[in-house]
């Protein structure tokens, strides 16, 4: 799920776009997915970014967990 703020793109969208620009080569097979894109989802406690390689179906995932300050 992605949110649009009144000021433009959100931080969630900005990081997803950064991955689209810099992390499109599959870490498993090396395929460069020039037409693909990362997806982003959030549960409130964490944000998951994911890209599925169209060549080998490898899932590249980045999960960012919210810090609670209770650690």
PDB file of N, CA and C in Angstrom:
ATOM      1  N   UNK A   1       0.850  -1.145   0.000  1.00  0.00           N
ATOM      2  CA  UNK A   1       0.000   0.000   0.000  1.00  0.00           C
ATOM      3  C   UNK A   1       0.910   1.225   0.000  1.00  0.00           C
ATOM      4  N   UNK A   2       0.562   2.186  -0.791  1.00  0.00           N
ATOM      5  CA  UNK A   2       1.349   3.400  -0.915  1.00  0.00           C
ATOM      6  C   UNK A   2       0.440   4.600  -0.679  1.00  0.00           C
ATOM      7  N   UNK A   3       1.001   5.630  -0.081  1.00  0.00           N
ATOM      8  CA  UNK A   3       0.209   6.812   0.229  1.00  0.00           C
ATOM      9  C   UNK A   3       0.788   8.025  -0.469  1.00  0.00           C
ATOM     10  N   UNK A   4      -0.063   8.890  -0.935  1.00  0.00           N
ATOM     11  CA  UNK A   4       0.341  10.143  -1.568  1.00  0.00           C
ATOM     12  C   UNK A   4       0.034  11.274  -0.590  1.00  0.00           C
ATOM     13  N   UNK A   5       1.044  12.046  -0.251  1.00  0.00           N
ATOM     14  CA  UNK A   5       0.809  13.170   0.642  1.00  0.00           C
ATOM     15  C   UNK A   5       0.425  14.391  -0.182  1.00  0.00           C
ATOM     16  N   UNK A   6      -0.036  15.418   0.503  1.00  0.00           N
ATOM     17  CA  UNK A   6      -0.395  16.646  -0.205  1.00  0.00           C
ATOM     18  C   UNK A   6       0.830  17.324  -0.808  1.00  0.00           C
ATOM     19  N   UNK A   7       1.996  17.040  -0.268  1.00  0.00           N
ATOM     20  CA  UNK A   7       3.226  17.670  -0.745  1.00  0.00           C
ATOM     21  C   UNK A   7       3.894  16.880  -1.863  1.00  0.00           C
ATOM     22  N   UNK A   8       3.382  15.694  -2.201  1.00  0.00           N
ATOM     23  CA  UNK A   8       3.978  14.889  -3.267  1.00  0.00           C
ATOM     24  C   UNK A   8       4.229  13.469  -2.803  1.00  0.00           C
ATOM     25  N   UNK A   9       5.305  12.920  -3.257  1.00  0.00           N
ATOM     26  CA  UNK A   9       5.631  11.528  -2.989  1.00  0.00           C
ATOM     27  C   UNK A   9       6.023  11.315  -1.526  1.00  0.00           C
ATOM     28  N   UNK A  10       5.592  10.192  -0.968  1.00  0.00           N
ATOM     29  CA  UNK A  10       5.917   9.854   0.410  1.00  0.00           C
ATOM     30  C   UNK A  10       7.297   9.208   0.492  1.00  0.00           C
ATOM     31  N   UNK A  11       7.800   9.053   1.709  1.00  0.00           N
ATOM     32  CA  UNK A  11       9.074   8.374   1.926  1.00  0.00           C
ATOM     33  C   UNK A  11       8.999   6.941   1.437  1.00  0.00           C
ATOM     34  N   UNK A  12       7.868   6.283   1.642  1.00  0.00           N
ATOM     35  CA  UNK A  12       7.654   4.922   1.163  1.00  0.00           C
ATOM     36  C   UNK A  12       7.856   4.847  -0.343  1.00  0.00           C
ATOM     37  N   UNK A  13       7.255   5.771  -1.074  1.00  0.00           N
ATOM     38  CA  UNK A  13       7.400   5.813  -2.526  1.00  0.00           C
ATOM     39  C   UNK A  13       8.816   6.182  -2.949  1.00  0.00           C
ATOM     40  N   UNK A  14       9.445   7.088  -2.228  1.00  0.00           N
ATOM     41  CA  UNK A  14      10.795   7.524  -2.577  1.00  0.00           C
ATOM     42  C   UNK A  14      11.797   6.377  -2.502  1.00  0.00           C
ATOM     43  N   UNK A  15      11.712   5.568  -1.463  1.00  0.00           N
ATOM     44  CA  UNK A  15      12.632   4.443  -1.340  1.00  0.00           C
ATOM     45  C   UNK A  15      12.335   3.378  -2.390  1.00  0.00           C
ATOM     46  N   UNK A  16      11.053   3.147  -2.675  1.00  0.00           N
ATOM     47  CA  UNK A  16      10.691   2.190  -3.725  1.00  0.00           C
ATOM     48  C   UNK A  16      11.264   2.643  -5.066  1.00  0.00           C
ATOM     49  N   UNK A  17      11.146   3.916  -5.373  1.00  0.00           N
ATOM     50  CA  UNK A  17      11.706   4.449  -6.618  1.00  0.00           C
ATOM     51  C   UNK A  17      13.227   4.318  -6.646  1.00  0.00           C
ATOM     52  N   UNK A  18      13.865   4.501  -5.505  1.00  0.00           N
ATOM     53  CA  UNK A  18      15.324   4.331  -5.417  1.00  0.00           C
ATOM     54  C   UNK A  18      15.709   2.895  -5.752  1.00  0.00           C
ATOM     55  N   UNK A  19      14.966   1.927  -5.205  1.00  0.00           N
ATOM     56  CA  UNK A  19      15.223   0.525  -5.549  1.00  0.00           C
ATOM     57  C   UNK A  19      14.984   0.273  -7.039  1.00  0.00           C
ATOM     58  N   UNK A  20      13.955   0.894  -7.614  1.00  0.00           N
ATOM     59  CA  UNK A  20      13.693   0.746  -9.055  1.00  0.00           C
ATOM     60  C   UNK A  20      14.867   1.242  -9.887  1.00  0.00           C
ATOM     61  N   UNK A  21      15.564   2.245  -9.401  1.00  0.00           N
ATOM     62  CA  UNK A  21      16.695   2.821 -10.130  1.00  0.00           C
ATOM     63  C   UNK A  21      18.004   2.070  -9.906  1.00  0.00           C
ATOM     64  N   UNK A  22      18.159   1.434  -8.745  1.00  0.00           N
ATOM     65  CA  UNK A  22      19.471   0.889  -8.390  1.00  0.00           C
ATOM     66  C   UNK A  22      19.527  -0.613  -8.145  1.00  0.00           C
ATOM     67  N   UNK A  23      18.390  -1.290  -7.983  1.00  0.00           N
ATOM     68  CA  UNK A  23      18.416  -2.710  -7.592  1.00  0.00           C
ATOM     69  C   UNK A  23      17.550  -3.576  -8.494  1.00  0.00           C
ATOM     70  N   UNK A  24      17.754  -3.460  -9.795  1.00  0.00           N
ATOM     71  CA  UNK A  24      16.944  -4.238 -10.735  1.00  0.00           C
ATOM     72  C   UNK A  24      17.676  -5.470 -11.281  1.00  0.00           C
ATOM     73  N   UNK A  25      18.927  -5.685 -10.877  1.00  0.00           N
ATOM     74  CA  UNK A  25      19.654  -6.881 -11.286  1.00  0.00           C
ATOM     75  C   UNK A  25      19.401  -7.968 -10.248  1.00  0.00           C
ATOM     76  N   UNK A  26      18.963  -9.137 -10.732  1.00  0.00           N
ATOM     77  CA  UNK A  26      18.648 -10.257  -9.847  1.00  0.00           C
ATOM     78  C   UNK A  26      19.905 -10.728  -9.123  1.00  0.00           C
ATOM     79  N   UNK A  27      19.810 -10.899  -7.809  1.00  0.00           N
ATOM     80  CA  UNK A  27      20.946 -11.360  -7.028  1.00  0.00           C
ATOM     81  C   UNK A  27      21.173 -12.862  -7.175  1.00  0.00           C
ATOM     82  N   UNK A  28      20.209 -13.575  -7.742  1.00  0.00           N
ATOM     83  CA  UNK A  28      20.344 -15.021  -7.916  1.00  0.00           C
ATOM     84  C   UNK A  28      20.899 -15.400  -9.288  1.00  0.00           C
ATOM     85  N   UNK A  29      20.346 -14.806 -10.354  1.00  0.00           N
ATOM     86  CA  UNK A  29      20.761 -15.212 -11.705  1.00  0.00           C
ATOM     87  C   UNK A  29      21.452 -14.115 -12.504  1.00  0.00           C
ATOM     88  N   UNK A  30      21.401 -12.872 -12.015  1.00  0.00           N
ATOM     89  CA  UNK A  30      22.071 -11.764 -12.693  1.00  0.00           C
ATOM     90  C   UNK A  30      21.254 -11.074 -13.768  1.00  0.00           C
ATOM     91  N   UNK A  31      20.017 -11.502 -13.979  1.00  0.00           N
ATOM     92  CA  UNK A  31      19.162 -10.902 -15.000  1.00  0.00           C
ATOM     93  C   UNK A  31      18.861  -9.443 -14.653  1.00  0.00           C
ATOM     94  N   UNK A  32      18.980  -8.564 -15.643  1.00  0.00           N
ATOM     95  CA  UNK A  32      18.654  -7.149 -15.452  1.00  0.00           C
ATOM     96  C   UNK A  32      17.231  -6.908 -15.928  1.00  0.00           C
ATOM     97  N   UNK A  33      16.336  -6.616 -14.996  1.00  0.00           N
ATOM     98  CA  UNK A  33      14.915  -6.411 -15.283  1.00  0.00           C
ATOM     99  C   UNK A  33      14.658  -4.928 -15.555  1.00  0.00           C
ATOM    100  N   UNK A  34      14.902  -4.509 -16.776  1.00  0.00           N
ATOM    101  CA  UNK A  34      14.788  -3.093 -17.145  1.00  0.00           C
ATOM    102  C   UNK A  34      13.345  -2.592 -17.118  1.00  0.00           C
ATOM    103  N   UNK A  35      12.368  -3.477 -17.245  1.00  0.00           N
ATOM    104  CA  UNK A  35      10.964  -3.062 -17.295  1.00  0.00           C
ATOM    105  C   UNK A  35      10.199  -3.322 -15.999  1.00  0.00           C
ATOM    106  N   UNK A  36      10.826  -3.947 -15.035  1.00  0.00           N
ATOM    107  CA  UNK A  36      10.141  -4.303 -13.794  1.00  0.00           C
ATOM    108  C   UNK A  36      10.159  -3.185 -12.778  1.00  0.00           C
ATOM    109  N   UNK A  37       9.561  -3.467 -11.632  1.00  0.00           N
ATOM    110  CA  UNK A  37       9.609  -2.514 -10.531  1.00  0.00           C
ATOM    111  C   UNK A  37       9.404  -3.230  -9.212  1.00  0.00           C
ATOM    112  N   UNK A  38       9.818  -2.572  -8.161  1.00  0.00           N
ATOM    113  CA  UNK A  38       9.644  -3.064  -6.809  1.00  0.00           C
ATOM    114  C   UNK A  38       8.236  -2.718  -6.332  1.00  0.00           C
ATOM    115  N   UNK A  39       7.705  -3.551  -5.451  1.00  0.00           N
ATOM    116  CA  UNK A  39       6.432  -3.254  -4.811  1.00  0.00           C
ATOM    117  C   UNK A  39       6.709  -2.936  -3.345  1.00  0.00           C
ATOM    118  N   UNK A  40       5.826  -2.202  -2.726  1.00  0.00           N
ATOM    119  CA  UNK A  40       5.971  -1.841  -1.317  1.00  0.00           C
ATOM    120  C   UNK A  40       4.657  -2.089  -0.597  1.00  0.00           C
ATOM    121  N   UNK A  41       4.770  -2.609   0.614  1.00  0.00           N
ATOM    122  CA  UNK A  41       3.595  -2.842   1.455  1.00  0.00           C
ATOM    123  C   UNK A  41       3.975  -2.529   2.891  1.00  0.00           C
ATOM    124  N   UNK A  42       2.999  -2.121   3.682  1.00  0.00           N
ATOM    125  CA  UNK A  42       3.262  -1.818   5.083  1.00  0.00           C
ATOM    126  C   UNK A  42       2.180  -2.401   5.974  1.00  0.00           C
ATOM    127  N   UNK A  43       2.597  -2.805   7.158  1.00  0.00           N
ATOM    128  CA  UNK A  43       1.661  -3.297   8.168  1.00  0.00           C
ATOM    129  C   UNK A  43       1.523  -2.290   9.298  1.00  0.00           C
ATOM    130  N   UNK A  44       2.249  -1.194   9.211  1.00  0.00           N
ATOM    131  CA  UNK A  44       2.295  -0.215  10.287  1.00  0.00           C
ATOM    132  C   UNK A  44       3.533  -0.413  11.141  1.00  0.00           C
ATOM    133  N   UNK A  45       3.892  -1.668  11.400  1.00  0.00           N
ATOM    134  CA  UNK A  45       5.074  -1.985  12.183  1.00  0.00           C
ATOM    135  C   UNK A  45       6.304  -2.233  11.340  1.00  0.00           C
ATOM    136  N   UNK A  46       6.078  -2.551  10.061  1.00  0.00           N
ATOM    137  CA  UNK A  46       7.196  -2.775   9.159  1.00  0.00           C
ATOM    138  C   UNK A  46       6.798  -2.472   7.727  1.00  0.00           C
ATOM    139  N   UNK A  47       7.807  -2.183   6.926  1.00  0.00           N
ATOM    140  CA  UNK A  47       7.614  -1.934   5.498  1.00  0.00           C
ATOM    141  C   UNK A  47       8.364  -3.015   4.746  1.00  0.00           C
ATOM    142  N   UNK A  48       7.713  -3.637   3.770  1.00  0.00           N
ATOM    143  CA  UNK A  48       8.345  -4.665   2.949  1.00  0.00           C
ATOM    144  C   UNK A  48       8.435  -4.186   1.515  1.00  0.00           C
ATOM    145  N   UNK A  49       9.633  -4.263   0.954  1.00  0.00           N
ATOM    146  CA  UNK A  49       9.867  -3.976  -0.462  1.00  0.00           C
ATOM    147  C   UNK A  49      10.217  -5.297  -1.123  1.00  0.00           C
ATOM    148  N   UNK A  50       9.672  -5.545  -2.325  1.00  0.00           N
ATOM    149  CA  UNK A  50       9.870  -6.840  -2.970  1.00  0.00           C
ATOM    150  C   UNK A  50       9.980  -6.690  -4.477  1.00  0.00           C
ATOM    151  N   UNK A  51      10.883  -7.488  -5.057  1.00  0.00           N
ATOM    152  CA  UNK A  51      11.003  -7.572  -6.512  1.00  0.00           C
ATOM    153  C   UNK A  51      11.129  -9.043  -6.876  1.00  0.00           C
ATOM    154  N   UNK A  52      10.314  -9.505  -7.827  1.00  0.00           N
ATOM    155  CA  UNK A  52      10.359 -10.881  -8.298  1.00  0.00           C
ATOM    156  C   UNK A  52      11.020 -10.891  -9.673  1.00  0.00           C
ATOM    157  N   UNK A  53      12.090 -11.663  -9.807  1.00  0.00           N
ATOM    158  CA  UNK A  53      12.810 -11.751 -11.077  1.00  0.00           C
ATOM    159  C   UNK A  53      11.950 -12.472 -12.115  1.00  0.00           C
ATOM    160  N   UNK A  54      11.737 -11.867 -13.284  1.00  0.00           N
ATOM    161  CA  UNK A  54      10.926 -12.525 -14.307  1.00  0.00           C
ATOM    162  C   UNK A  54      11.668 -13.678 -14.983  1.00  0.00           C
ATOM    163  N   UNK A  55      12.957 -13.776 -14.777  1.00  0.00           N
ATOM    164  CA  UNK A  55      13.743 -14.834 -15.399  1.00  0.00           C
ATOM    165  C   UNK A  55      13.774 -16.113 -14.560  1.00  0.00           C
ATOM    166  N   UNK A  56      13.998 -15.976 -13.238  1.00  0.00           N
ATOM    167  CA  UNK A  56      14.145 -17.169 -12.398  1.00  0.00           C
ATOM    168  C   UNK A  56      13.162 -17.219 -11.217  1.00  0.00           C
ATOM    169  N   UNK A  57      12.302 -16.211 -11.077  1.00  0.00           N
ATOM    170  CA  UNK A  57      11.306 -16.121 -10.001  1.00  0.00           C
ATOM    171  C   UNK A  57      11.899 -15.935  -8.606  1.00  0.00           C
ATOM    172  N   UNK A  58      13.179 -15.571  -8.527  1.00  0.00           N
ATOM    173  CA  UNK A  58      13.791 -15.281  -7.226  1.00  0.00           C
ATOM    174  C   UNK A  58      13.143 -14.023  -6.653  1.00  0.00           C
ATOM    175  N   UNK A  59      12.847 -14.050  -5.360  1.00  0.00           N
ATOM    176  CA  UNK A  59      12.236 -12.896  -4.684  1.00  0.00           C
ATOM    177  C   UNK A  59      13.325 -12.178  -3.896  1.00  0.00           C
ATOM    178  N   UNK A  60      13.593 -10.943  -4.271  1.00  0.00           N
ATOM    179  CA  UNK A  60      14.510 -10.075  -3.535  1.00  0.00           C
ATOM    180  C   UNK A  60      13.642  -9.227  -2.619  1.00  0.00           C
ATOM    181  N   UNK A  61      13.919  -9.255  -1.326  1.00  0.00           N
ATOM    182  CA  UNK A  61      13.054  -8.570  -0.372  1.00  0.00           C
ATOM    183  C   UNK A  61      13.885  -7.751   0.617  1.00  0.00           C
ATOM    184  N   UNK A  62      13.375  -6.585   0.943  1.00  0.00           N
ATOM    185  CA  UNK A  62      13.948  -5.724   1.974  1.00  0.00           C
ATOM    186  C   UNK A  62      12.827  -5.435   2.962  1.00  0.00           C
ATOM    187  N   UNK A  63      13.070  -5.699   4.241  1.00  0.00           N
ATOM    188  CA  UNK A  63      12.069  -5.435   5.277  1.00  0.00           C
ATOM    189  C   UNK A  63      12.667  -4.431   6.265  1.00  0.00           C
ATOM    190  N   UNK A  64      11.940  -3.368   6.499  1.00  0.00           N
ATOM    191  CA  UNK A  64      12.358  -2.342   7.440  1.00  0.00           C
ATOM    192  C   UNK A  64      11.375  -2.365   8.604  1.00  0.00           C
ATOM    193  N   UNK A  65      11.901  -2.642   9.790  1.00  0.00           N
ATOM    194  CA  UNK A  65      11.048  -2.736  10.985  1.00  0.00           C
ATOM    195  C   UNK A  65      11.102  -1.424  11.764  1.00  0.00           C
ATOM    196  N   UNK A  66       9.979  -1.026  12.284  1.00  0.00           N
ATOM    197  CA  UNK A  66       9.877   0.177  13.098  1.00  0.00           C
ATOM    198  C   UNK A  66      10.521  -0.055  14.458  1.00  0.00           C
ATOM    199  N   UNK A  67      11.331   0.878  14.882  1.00  0.00           N
ATOM    200  CA  UNK A  67      11.948   0.782  16.208  1.00  0.00           C
ATOM    201  C   UNK A  67      10.949   1.279  17.242  1.00  0.00           C
ATOM    202  N   UNK A  68      10.828   0.527  18.321  1.00  0.00           N
ATOM    203  CA  UNK A  68       9.858   0.873  19.350  1.00  0.00           C
ATOM    204  C   UNK A  68      10.484   1.630  20.509  1.00  0.00           C
ATOM    205  N   UNK A  69      11.806   1.603  20.621  1.00  0.00           N
ATOM    206  CA  UNK A  69      12.473   2.271  21.726  1.00  0.00           C
ATOM    207  C   UNK A  69      12.491   1.442  22.990  1.00  0.00           C
ATOM    208  N   UNK A  70      11.975   0.222  22.923  1.00  0.00           N
ATOM    209  CA  UNK A  70      11.911  -0.664  24.098  1.00  0.00           C
ATOM    210  C   UNK A  70      12.991  -1.728  24.045  1.00  0.00           C
ATOM    211  N   UNK A  71      14.004  -1.538  23.207  1.00  0.00           N
ATOM    212  CA  UNK A  71      15.033  -2.561  23.047  1.00  0.00           C
ATOM    213  C   UNK A  71      16.174  -2.366  23.993  1.00  0.00           C
TER     214      UNK A  71
END
